[in-house]
Structure formats: structure tokens, C-alpha cells
Amino acid sequence: MLAPRIQGSAFLDLYAGSGAVGIEALSRGAASVAFVERVPVALAALRANLAKLEIGEGFRIHSGSVGSWLRRSEKGSSQAFDLVFLDPPYDAGEEYAATLGLLGGAAGQFLNPGALVIAEHRGKGGSKERLEDQYGALERTRLLVQGDAALSFYAARANAVA
């Protein structure tokens, strides 16, 4: 679904876990991937997966919480991304609002013009993870529900003031 946009993109994998999504982006031609993950076991799995696949360049791993990384980096980062994927633990509903709020506001400089933010969340029956249509400058452009999982696609509104 994202294949045409991945080639040559700067990809940000938030709540990266084992790195499957970011690794897939690299395999499809992303120019670079930044992984952000705080759980030590997940970081170990991410590093092991990259090593097993003999991927030694084109990525950076940032250990720590997503919120802390976005707040710390927003003050001096020159890196901006074309695609941002976030998949917090489904039961951490507050993480969705906090992260999307930062990306739609104070940390909006992380988004290149035309960037797309994709949030994976619970589909049917997930009231705590029901995402808003808008977070600051981010506006949902598409919702794809497949069984218990859903993807919400957000783009920055051109005329929004963050």
C-alpha cells in the first residue's frame, strides 16, 4: 500500500519493537530508517534482526521513550521524515494521543512537506484506542479496518498553524 512512497524516503519507526516495519521499509528502498524503542527486550530483538539480515547501514536506533525522544529532538534535530509509523502497545491508549499530538504540534518539524503518519491501532471494539480525526495540524485522510486491527493515515494540513 505504501510501496510507491517508500523508495528513497526517510522513514521513522516509532515504538519499533522488533523492527519489522522499519526493516521492511529498508528492504523496499527507504533511504534511511530511524527506530525509536524503549523496551530492552525489544531493542535486543531489533538489533538481532538487523544483524541476522546483515543490515549494517541506513538506520539509526534511538533507545528511550517516544515522547521523550520527540521532545528532546524537537529542539535541535535537522532530520525530517517522509513516512512515520507508530504502533504503541494497544493497551497504552494515551500514547497515541500524546505522540500524534506532538507530531501535529510542537514536533511537527519532523515531518517533510507531504509526509504521511500512519498509526496502527485496534479496529473493532477498541474504545480506548479510538483515534481522533485531527491532532493539531494532522488530519486523518484514511481509515483502514481489517478485523481487530486498523490503520489511520494522517497528513499535515497545508494551511494549519501548529
C-alpha atoms as a PDB file:
ATOM      1  CA  MET A   1       0.000   0.000   0.000  1.00  0.00           C
ATOM      2  CA  LEU A   2       2.887   2.392   0.758  1.00  0.00           C
ATOM      3  CA  ALA A   3       5.373   0.894  -1.700  1.00  0.00           C
ATOM      4  CA  PRO A   4       5.394   3.852  -4.128  1.00  0.00           C
ATOM      5  CA  ARG A   5       6.169   6.274  -1.284  1.00  0.00           C
ATOM      6  CA  ILE A   6       8.879   4.216   0.419  1.00  0.00           C
ATOM      7  CA  GLN A   7      11.581   4.307  -2.282  1.00  0.00           C
ATOM      8  CA  GLY A   8      14.137   6.962  -1.256  1.00  0.00           C
ATOM      9  CA  SER A   9      12.142   8.077   1.789  1.00  0.00           C
ATOM     10  CA  ALA A  10      13.235   8.985   5.288  1.00  0.00           C
ATOM     11  CA  PHE A  11      11.214   6.585   7.483  1.00  0.00           C
ATOM     12  CA  LEU A  12      10.566   6.916  11.226  1.00  0.00           C
ATOM     13  CA  ASP A  13       9.506   3.745  13.090  1.00  0.00           C
ATOM     14  CA  LEU A  14       8.118   4.750  16.499  1.00  0.00           C
ATOM     15  CA  TYR A  15       7.544   2.028  19.119  1.00  0.00           C
ATOM     16  CA  ALA A  16       9.681  -0.081  16.790  1.00  0.00           C
ATOM     17  CA  GLY A  17       9.538  -3.350  18.727  1.00  0.00           C
ATOM     18  CA  SER A  18      11.473  -5.987  16.782  1.00  0.00           C
ATOM     19  CA  GLY A  19      11.906  -3.541  13.908  1.00  0.00           C
ATOM     20  CA  ALA A  20       9.798  -5.465  11.398  1.00  0.00           C
ATOM     21  CA  VAL A  21       8.153  -2.379   9.873  1.00  0.00           C
ATOM     22  CA  GLY A  22      11.338  -0.327   9.576  1.00  0.00           C
ATOM     23  CA  ILE A  23      13.287  -3.305   8.241  1.00  0.00           C
ATOM     24  CA  GLU A  24      10.574  -3.819   5.629  1.00  0.00           C
ATOM     25  CA  ALA A  25      10.910  -0.135   4.675  1.00  0.00           C
ATOM     26  CA  LEU A  26      14.669  -0.598   4.211  1.00  0.00           C
ATOM     27  CA  SER A  27      14.076  -3.690   2.075  1.00  0.00           C
ATOM     28  CA  ARG A  28      11.725  -1.649  -0.126  1.00  0.00           C
ATOM     29  CA  GLY A  29      14.255   1.100  -0.729  1.00  0.00           C
ATOM     30  CA  ALA A  30      13.894   3.629   2.089  1.00  0.00           C
ATOM     31  CA  ALA A  31      16.949   5.891   2.116  1.00  0.00           C
ATOM     32  CA  SER A  32      17.078   5.802   5.910  1.00  0.00           C
ATOM     33  CA  VAL A  33      15.144   4.496   8.894  1.00  0.00           C
ATOM     34  CA  ALA A  34      15.169   5.794  12.451  1.00  0.00           C
ATOM     35  CA  PHE A  35      13.946   3.283  15.043  1.00  0.00           C
ATOM     36  CA  VAL A  36      12.711   4.511  18.441  1.00  0.00           C
ATOM     37  CA  GLU A  37      12.099   1.897  21.144  1.00  0.00           C
ATOM     38  CA  ARG A  38      12.461   1.870  24.932  1.00  0.00           C
ATOM     39  CA  VAL A  39      11.898  -1.782  25.955  1.00  0.00           C
ATOM     40  CA  PRO A  40      15.268  -3.565  26.398  1.00  0.00           C
ATOM     41  CA  VAL A  41      13.992  -6.947  25.154  1.00  0.00           C
ATOM     42  CA  ALA A  42      12.561  -5.319  22.018  1.00  0.00           C
ATOM     43  CA  LEU A  43      15.806  -3.382  21.436  1.00  0.00           C
ATOM     44  CA  ALA A  44      17.768  -6.634  21.659  1.00  0.00           C
ATOM     45  CA  ALA A  45      15.407  -8.277  19.146  1.00  0.00           C
ATOM     46  CA  LEU A  46      15.685  -5.271  16.830  1.00  0.00           C
ATOM     47  CA  ARG A  47      19.490  -5.357  16.892  1.00  0.00           C
ATOM     48  CA  ALA A  48      19.493  -9.145  16.419  1.00  0.00           C
ATOM     49  CA  ASN A  49      17.140  -8.894  13.425  1.00  0.00           C
ATOM     50  CA  LEU A  50      19.295  -6.241  11.761  1.00  0.00           C
ATOM     51  CA  ALA A  51      22.420  -8.351  12.351  1.00  0.00           C
ATOM     52  CA  LYS A  52      20.778 -11.563  11.124  1.00  0.00           C
ATOM     53  CA  LEU A  53      19.696  -9.796   7.928  1.00  0.00           C
ATOM     54  CA  GLU A  54      23.190  -8.274   7.603  1.00  0.00           C
ATOM     55  CA  ILE A  55      21.827  -4.725   7.556  1.00  0.00           C
ATOM     56  CA  GLY A  56      24.679  -2.546   8.735  1.00  0.00           C
ATOM     57  CA  GLU A  57      23.802   0.902   7.436  1.00  0.00           C
ATOM     58  CA  GLY A  58      20.922   3.172   6.538  1.00  0.00           C
ATOM     59  CA  PHE A  59      19.435   3.195  10.034  1.00  0.00           C
ATOM     60  CA  ARG A  60      19.762   4.688  13.494  1.00  0.00           C
ATOM     61  CA  ILE A  61      18.435   3.209  16.727  1.00  0.00           C
ATOM     62  CA  HIS A  62      17.272   5.561  19.470  1.00  0.00           C
ATOM     63  CA  SER A  63      16.639   3.905  22.830  1.00  0.00           C
ATOM     64  CA  GLY A  64      14.155   5.612  25.082  1.00  0.00           C
ATOM     65  CA  SER A  65      10.521   6.602  25.156  1.00  0.00           C
ATOM     66  CA  VAL A  66       8.976   8.066  22.022  1.00  0.00           C
ATOM     67  CA  GLY A  67       7.632  11.117  23.845  1.00  0.00           C
ATOM     68  CA  SER A  68      10.989  11.908  25.429  1.00  0.00           C
ATOM     69  CA  TRP A  69      12.809  11.431  22.121  1.00  0.00           C
ATOM     70  CA  LEU A  70      10.400  13.700  20.238  1.00  0.00           C
ATOM     71  CA  ARG A  71      10.550  16.402  22.924  1.00  0.00           C
ATOM     72  CA  ARG A  72      14.337  16.224  23.240  1.00  0.00           C
ATOM     73  CA  SER A  73      14.952  16.107  19.500  1.00  0.00           C
ATOM     74  CA  GLU A  74      12.451  18.810  18.543  1.00  0.00           C
ATOM     75  CA  LYS A  75      14.814  21.481  19.824  1.00  0.00           C
ATOM     76  CA  GLY A  76      17.729  20.697  17.537  1.00  0.00           C
ATOM     77  CA  SER A  77      17.010  17.991  15.019  1.00  0.00           C
ATOM     78  CA  SER A  78      17.577  18.713  11.366  1.00  0.00           C
ATOM     79  CA  GLN A  79      16.180  15.293  10.436  1.00  0.00           C
ATOM     80  CA  ALA A  80      12.712  15.268   8.904  1.00  0.00           C
ATOM     81  CA  PHE A  81      10.738  12.268   7.716  1.00  0.00           C
ATOM     82  CA  ASP A  82       8.523  11.397   4.773  1.00  0.00           C
ATOM     83  CA  LEU A  83       6.798   8.462   6.470  1.00  0.00           C
ATOM     84  CA  VAL A  84       6.165   7.945  10.176  1.00  0.00           C
ATOM     85  CA  PHE A  85       4.770   4.679  11.503  1.00  0.00           C
ATOM     86  CA  LEU A  86       3.639   4.275  15.088  1.00  0.00           C
ATOM     87  CA  ASP A  87       2.396   1.144  16.756  1.00  0.00           C
ATOM     88  CA  PRO A  88       2.314   1.599  20.537  1.00  0.00           C
ATOM     89  CA  PRO A  89       1.066  -1.268  22.662  1.00  0.00           C
ATOM     90  CA  TYR A  90      -2.694  -1.391  22.081  1.00  0.00           C
ATOM     91  CA  ASP A  91      -3.384  -1.026  25.796  1.00  0.00           C
ATOM     92  CA  ALA A  92      -1.359   2.202  26.010  1.00  0.00           C
ATOM     93  CA  GLY A  93      -4.124   4.367  24.586  1.00  0.00           C
ATOM     94  CA  GLU A  94      -2.619   7.580  25.940  1.00  0.00           C
ATOM     95  CA  GLU A  95       0.496   7.037  23.810  1.00  0.00           C
ATOM     96  CA  TYR A  96      -1.494   7.535  20.607  1.00  0.00           C
ATOM     97  CA  ALA A  97      -2.875  10.925  21.587  1.00  0.00           C
ATOM     98  CA  ALA A  98       0.431  12.100  23.056  1.00  0.00           C
ATOM     99  CA  THR A  99       2.521  11.086  20.037  1.00  0.00           C
ATOM    100  CA  LEU A 100       0.071  12.246  17.384  1.00  0.00           C
ATOM    101  CA  GLY A 101      -0.388  15.473  19.331  1.00  0.00           C
ATOM    102  CA  LEU A 102       3.358  16.115  19.338  1.00  0.00           C
ATOM    103  CA  LEU A 103       3.679  15.322  15.622  1.00  0.00           C
ATOM    104  CA  GLY A 104       0.720  17.581  14.850  1.00  0.00           C
ATOM    105  CA  GLY A 105       2.132  20.362  17.002  1.00  0.00           C
ATOM    106  CA  ALA A 106       5.462  21.047  18.682  1.00  0.00           C
ATOM    107  CA  ALA A 107       7.355  18.229  16.921  1.00  0.00           C
ATOM    108  CA  GLY A 108       5.838  18.953  13.502  1.00  0.00           C
ATOM    109  CA  GLN A 109       9.240  19.925  12.124  1.00  0.00           C
ATOM    110  CA  PHE A 110       9.952  16.183  11.958  1.00  0.00           C
ATOM    111  CA  LEU A 111       7.556  15.982   9.006  1.00  0.00           C
ATOM    112  CA  ASN A 112       8.670  16.840   5.486  1.00  0.00           C
ATOM    113  CA  PRO A 113       6.092  18.530   3.247  1.00  0.00           C
ATOM    114  CA  GLY A 114       3.660  15.858   2.088  1.00  0.00           C
ATOM    115  CA  ALA A 115       4.652  13.482   4.910  1.00  0.00           C
ATOM    116  CA  LEU A 116       2.300  10.720   5.942  1.00  0.00           C
ATOM    117  CA  VAL A 117       1.843   9.497   9.533  1.00  0.00           C
ATOM    118  CA  ILE A 118       0.382   6.007   9.929  1.00  0.00           C
ATOM    119  CA  ALA A 119      -0.933   4.762  13.280  1.00  0.00           C
ATOM    120  CA  GLU A 120      -1.712   1.078  13.781  1.00  0.00           C
ATOM    121  CA  HIS A 121      -4.385   0.567  16.414  1.00  0.00           C
ATOM    122  CA  ARG A 122      -7.244  -1.651  17.456  1.00  0.00           C
ATOM    123  CA  GLY A 123     -10.050  -1.893  14.963  1.00  0.00           C
ATOM    124  CA  LYS A 124     -13.490  -3.044  16.006  1.00  0.00           C
ATOM    125  CA  GLY A 125     -14.313  -2.951  19.683  1.00  0.00           C
ATOM    126  CA  GLY A 126     -11.331  -0.862  20.772  1.00  0.00           C
ATOM    127  CA  SER A 127     -12.888   2.112  22.530  1.00  0.00           C
ATOM    128  CA  LYS A 128      -9.730   3.212  24.390  1.00  0.00           C
ATOM    129  CA  GLU A 129      -7.772   3.319  21.153  1.00  0.00           C
ATOM    130  CA  ARG A 130     -10.364   5.204  19.125  1.00  0.00           C
ATOM    131  CA  LEU A 131      -8.308   7.867  17.419  1.00  0.00           C
ATOM    132  CA  GLU A 132      -9.414  11.396  16.681  1.00  0.00           C
ATOM    133  CA  ASP A 133      -9.793  12.728  13.151  1.00  0.00           C
ATOM    134  CA  GLN A 134      -7.394  15.548  13.924  1.00  0.00           C
ATOM    135  CA  TYR A 135      -4.359  16.177  16.141  1.00  0.00           C
ATOM    136  CA  GLY A 136      -3.208  19.763  15.705  1.00  0.00           C
ATOM    137  CA  ALA A 137      -2.043  20.094  12.096  1.00  0.00           C
ATOM    138  CA  LEU A 138      -2.503  16.355  11.445  1.00  0.00           C
ATOM    139  CA  GLU A 139      -5.757  15.356   9.824  1.00  0.00           C
ATOM    140  CA  ARG A 140      -6.883  11.788   9.202  1.00  0.00           C
ATOM    141  CA  THR A 141      -7.159  11.148   5.471  1.00  0.00           C
ATOM    142  CA  ARG A 142      -7.946   7.439   5.568  1.00  0.00           C
ATOM    143  CA  LEU A 143      -9.023   4.723   7.978  1.00  0.00           C
ATOM    144  CA  LEU A 144      -8.457   1.104   7.011  1.00  0.00           C
ATOM    145  CA  VAL A 145     -10.018  -1.509   9.315  1.00  0.00           C
ATOM    146  CA  GLN A 146      -9.217  -5.187   8.885  1.00  0.00           C
ATOM    147  CA  GLY A 147     -10.710  -7.293  11.639  1.00  0.00           C
ATOM    148  CA  ASP A 148      -9.223  -6.407  15.002  1.00  0.00           C
ATOM    149  CA  ALA A 149      -6.539  -4.116  13.544  1.00  0.00           C
ATOM    150  CA  ALA A 150      -6.830  -0.709  11.938  1.00  0.00           C
ATOM    151  CA  LEU A 151      -4.550   1.800  10.265  1.00  0.00           C
ATOM    152  CA  SER A 152      -5.209   5.532  10.475  1.00  0.00           C
ATOM    153  CA  PHE A 153      -3.412   7.689   7.918  1.00  0.00           C
ATOM    154  CA  TYR A 154      -2.705  11.332   8.789  1.00  0.00           C
ATOM    155  CA  ALA A 155      -1.332  14.185   6.711  1.00  0.00           C
ATOM    156  CA  ALA A 156      -0.470  17.710   7.792  1.00  0.00           C
ATOM    157  CA  ARG A 157      -2.967  20.269   6.594  1.00  0.00           C
ATOM    158  CA  ALA A 158      -1.231  22.827   4.384  1.00  0.00           C
ATOM    159  CA  ASN A 159      -2.939  25.816   5.994  1.00  0.00           C
ATOM    160  CA  ALA A 160      -2.679  24.626   9.598  1.00  0.00           C
ATOM    161  CA  VAL A 161      -0.849  26.635  12.211  1.00  0.00           C
ATOM    162  CA  ALA A 162       0.940  24.247  14.521  1.00  0.00           C
END
